Protein backbone atom coordinates (compact mmCIF):
# COMPACT_ATOMS: atom_id res chain seq x y z
CA MET A 1 55.73 -3.13 208.63
CA ASN A 2 59.53 -3.91 208.42
CA PHE A 3 61.17 -3.73 211.72
CA PHE A 4 64.55 -3.67 210.03
CA ASP A 5 63.75 -0.66 207.75
CA SER A 6 67.11 1.21 207.21
CA ASN A 7 65.20 4.57 207.09
CA CYS A 8 64.17 3.95 210.81
CA GLN A 9 67.55 2.88 212.02
CA GLU A 10 70.73 4.91 213.18
CA PRO A 11 74.14 3.82 212.25
CA PRO A 12 75.51 1.17 214.73
CA ARG A 13 77.03 2.52 217.94
CA ASP A 14 79.30 0.85 220.35
CA ASP A 15 79.59 3.55 223.19
CA GLU A 16 79.81 2.36 226.63
CA LEU A 17 77.29 4.62 227.75
CA PHE A 18 74.53 6.46 225.82
CA GLY A 19 70.89 7.64 226.16
CA ILE A 20 67.66 6.74 224.35
CA CYS A 21 65.45 9.94 224.10
CA ASP A 22 61.78 10.71 223.12
CA ASP A 23 61.04 14.57 223.01
CA GLN A 24 57.25 13.71 223.54
CA ASN A 25 56.22 15.60 220.63
CA GLY A 26 55.14 13.06 218.20
CA THR A 27 58.70 12.59 216.52
CA LYS A 28 60.37 9.39 216.58
CA ALA A 29 62.78 8.38 219.52
CA TYR A 30 66.50 8.65 218.90
CA THR A 31 70.06 8.00 220.76
CA ASN A 32 72.11 10.59 222.12
CA ILE A 33 75.69 10.80 223.79
CA ASP A 34 75.88 14.51 224.49
CA ASP A 35 72.93 15.60 226.55
CA ASN A 36 71.89 13.43 229.56
CA THR A 37 69.40 15.65 230.58
CA LYS A 38 67.30 14.34 227.50
CA TRP A 39 67.93 10.66 228.22
CA VAL A 40 64.76 8.72 229.30
CA ALA A 41 66.76 5.38 229.24
CA THR A 42 70.59 4.95 229.84
CA VAL A 43 72.25 2.19 227.88
CA VAL A 44 75.10 0.66 229.79
CA ASN A 45 77.29 -1.11 227.17
CA ARG A 46 80.75 -1.99 228.90
CA LYS A 47 81.51 -4.65 226.34
CA LYS A 48 81.12 -1.96 223.61
CA VAL A 49 78.73 -4.26 221.55
CA GLU A 50 77.62 -2.99 218.36
CA LEU A 51 73.92 -1.79 218.61
CA VAL A 52 71.38 -0.66 216.15
CA PHE A 53 68.65 1.60 217.30
CA THR A 54 65.41 1.40 215.15
CA ALA A 55 62.67 3.95 215.86
CA ILE A 56 59.39 1.93 215.82
CA ASP A 57 56.66 4.29 216.98
CA ALA A 58 56.41 7.02 214.40
CA CYS A 59 58.78 5.34 211.77
CA VAL A 60 58.25 1.57 211.54
CA ILE A 61 54.76 2.01 212.65
CA LYS A 62 53.38 5.28 211.59
CA SER A 63 51.22 7.30 213.74
CA ASN A 64 47.99 6.58 211.57
CA GLU A 65 48.52 2.91 211.35
CA HIS A 66 47.07 0.19 213.76
CA GLU A 67 45.01 2.75 215.46
CA GLY A 68 44.16 1.52 218.94
CA ARG A 69 47.11 -1.00 219.25
CA GLY A 70 50.12 0.29 221.04
CA ARG A 71 53.69 0.33 219.86
CA CYS A 72 56.89 0.92 221.94
CA ASP A 73 59.26 3.66 221.09
CA GLY A 74 62.11 1.64 219.87
CA MET A 75 64.41 -1.21 219.82
CA LEU A 76 68.12 -2.01 220.06
CA THR A 77 69.31 -4.99 218.20
CA SER A 78 72.91 -6.79 217.63
CA GLU A 79 73.55 -10.18 216.22
CA GLU A 80 72.65 -11.50 219.87
CA HIS A 81 70.46 -8.89 221.37
CA ILE A 82 67.07 -7.56 220.81
CA PHE A 83 65.90 -5.03 223.20
CA PHE A 84 62.45 -3.46 222.98
CA VAL A 85 62.27 -0.10 224.85
CA GLU A 86 59.17 1.94 225.82
CA LEU A 87 59.99 5.56 227.11
CA LYS A 88 57.86 7.48 229.31
CA ASP A 89 58.14 10.97 231.36
CA GLN A 90 55.15 10.93 233.52
CA ASN A 91 54.32 9.94 237.13
CA ALA A 92 50.99 8.45 237.19
CA SER A 93 49.53 5.34 235.58
CA TRP A 94 52.56 4.81 233.34
CA ARG A 95 53.59 1.26 233.97
CA THR A 96 50.78 -0.75 232.76
CA LEU A 97 50.44 1.55 229.47
CA ALA A 98 54.14 0.94 228.91
CA ILE A 99 54.09 -2.81 229.31
CA ASN A 100 50.90 -3.03 227.14
CA GLN A 101 52.85 -1.12 224.43
CA LEU A 102 55.81 -3.50 224.92
CA GLU A 103 53.54 -6.50 224.63
CA SER A 104 51.73 -5.18 221.36
CA THR A 105 54.97 -4.39 219.89
CA VAL A 106 56.45 -7.91 220.64
CA ARG A 107 53.14 -9.37 219.06
CA PHE A 108 53.67 -7.32 216.02
CA PHE A 109 57.26 -8.29 215.63
CA LEU A 110 56.37 -11.95 216.08
CA GLU A 111 53.76 -11.77 213.23
CA LYS A 112 56.83 -10.90 210.83
CA ASN A 113 59.80 -11.96 212.43
CA GLY A 114 61.22 -14.58 214.82
CA LEU A 115 63.33 -14.31 217.83
CA MET A 116 65.27 -17.48 217.87
CA GLN A 117 68.31 -15.85 216.71
CA TYR A 118 68.87 -13.70 219.64
CA ARG A 119 70.36 -15.01 222.68
CA HIS A 120 69.36 -11.89 224.78
CA LYS A 121 65.70 -10.84 224.42
CA LYS A 122 64.35 -8.32 226.73
CA ALA A 123 61.65 -5.60 226.95
CA PHE A 124 62.39 -2.58 229.02
CA ALA A 125 59.69 -0.03 230.46
CA CYS A 126 61.66 2.93 231.19
CA ASN A 127 60.41 6.23 233.05
CA LYS A 128 62.59 9.38 233.18
CA GLN A 129 60.76 10.21 236.57
CA ARG A 130 61.07 6.80 237.77
CA PRO A 131 64.57 5.43 236.80
CA HIS A 132 65.03 2.85 239.40
CA PHE A 133 64.16 -0.67 239.14
CA GLN A 134 60.72 -1.70 240.15
CA GLU A 135 59.52 -4.90 240.94
CA ILE A 136 57.29 -6.81 238.34
CA ASP A 137 54.88 -9.30 239.45
CA GLN A 138 56.55 -12.74 239.18
CA GLU A 139 53.39 -14.31 237.47
CA GLU A 140 53.46 -11.53 234.71
CA GLN A 141 57.38 -12.31 234.36
CA MET A 142 56.60 -15.86 234.01
CA ARG A 143 53.84 -15.37 231.46
CA TRP A 144 56.02 -13.01 229.42
CA PHE A 145 58.74 -15.47 229.30
CA ARG A 146 56.37 -18.55 228.61
CA THR A 147 54.48 -16.69 225.83
CA TYR A 148 57.29 -14.81 223.98
CA GLY A 149 60.58 -15.77 225.27
CA VAL A 150 61.33 -12.36 226.31
CA ARG A 151 62.36 -11.01 229.67
CA LEU A 152 60.49 -7.88 231.07
CA ASP A 153 62.21 -5.24 233.11
CA VAL A 154 60.72 -1.93 234.61
CA GLN A 155 63.84 0.37 235.09
CA ALA A 156 65.39 3.07 232.96
CA GLU A 157 68.90 1.43 232.73
CA VAL A 158 69.17 -0.97 229.71
CA ILE A 159 72.51 -3.28 230.50
CA VAL A 160 73.90 -4.89 227.55
CA VAL A 161 75.43 -8.21 228.65
């Protein structure tokens, strides 16, 4: 499992605004600038940081690999940033599933790679049907940060700082 497999990466982009999409049909997630109706997550990149999107589900980790263990849809990386992103388009029971998929992916990542080189480390649970920030249990936030050194957000806007 190579989280930096060039076959799963898109060319770097530095757009100030773009979307991350998942067609919910078993194909890999992708970025888009043309059709915001497809966006599940919106990336706000005012500093125009050069970001690489890597499709994790259905690419880095194939559908038939590690059955029973979740994986998030993708990640955005730069020299200073690593953002794990899970995309949902549903109303009920999505949050716990999304967070579990993110946590499983972070554990997969840490088995092969380190996070020390990244200054900004976040995991985003994004839902097209519930785009606004949702409060996360402070204990869960602390557990994530203590365990992985990663901050957890439940919102459909990925803000690059």
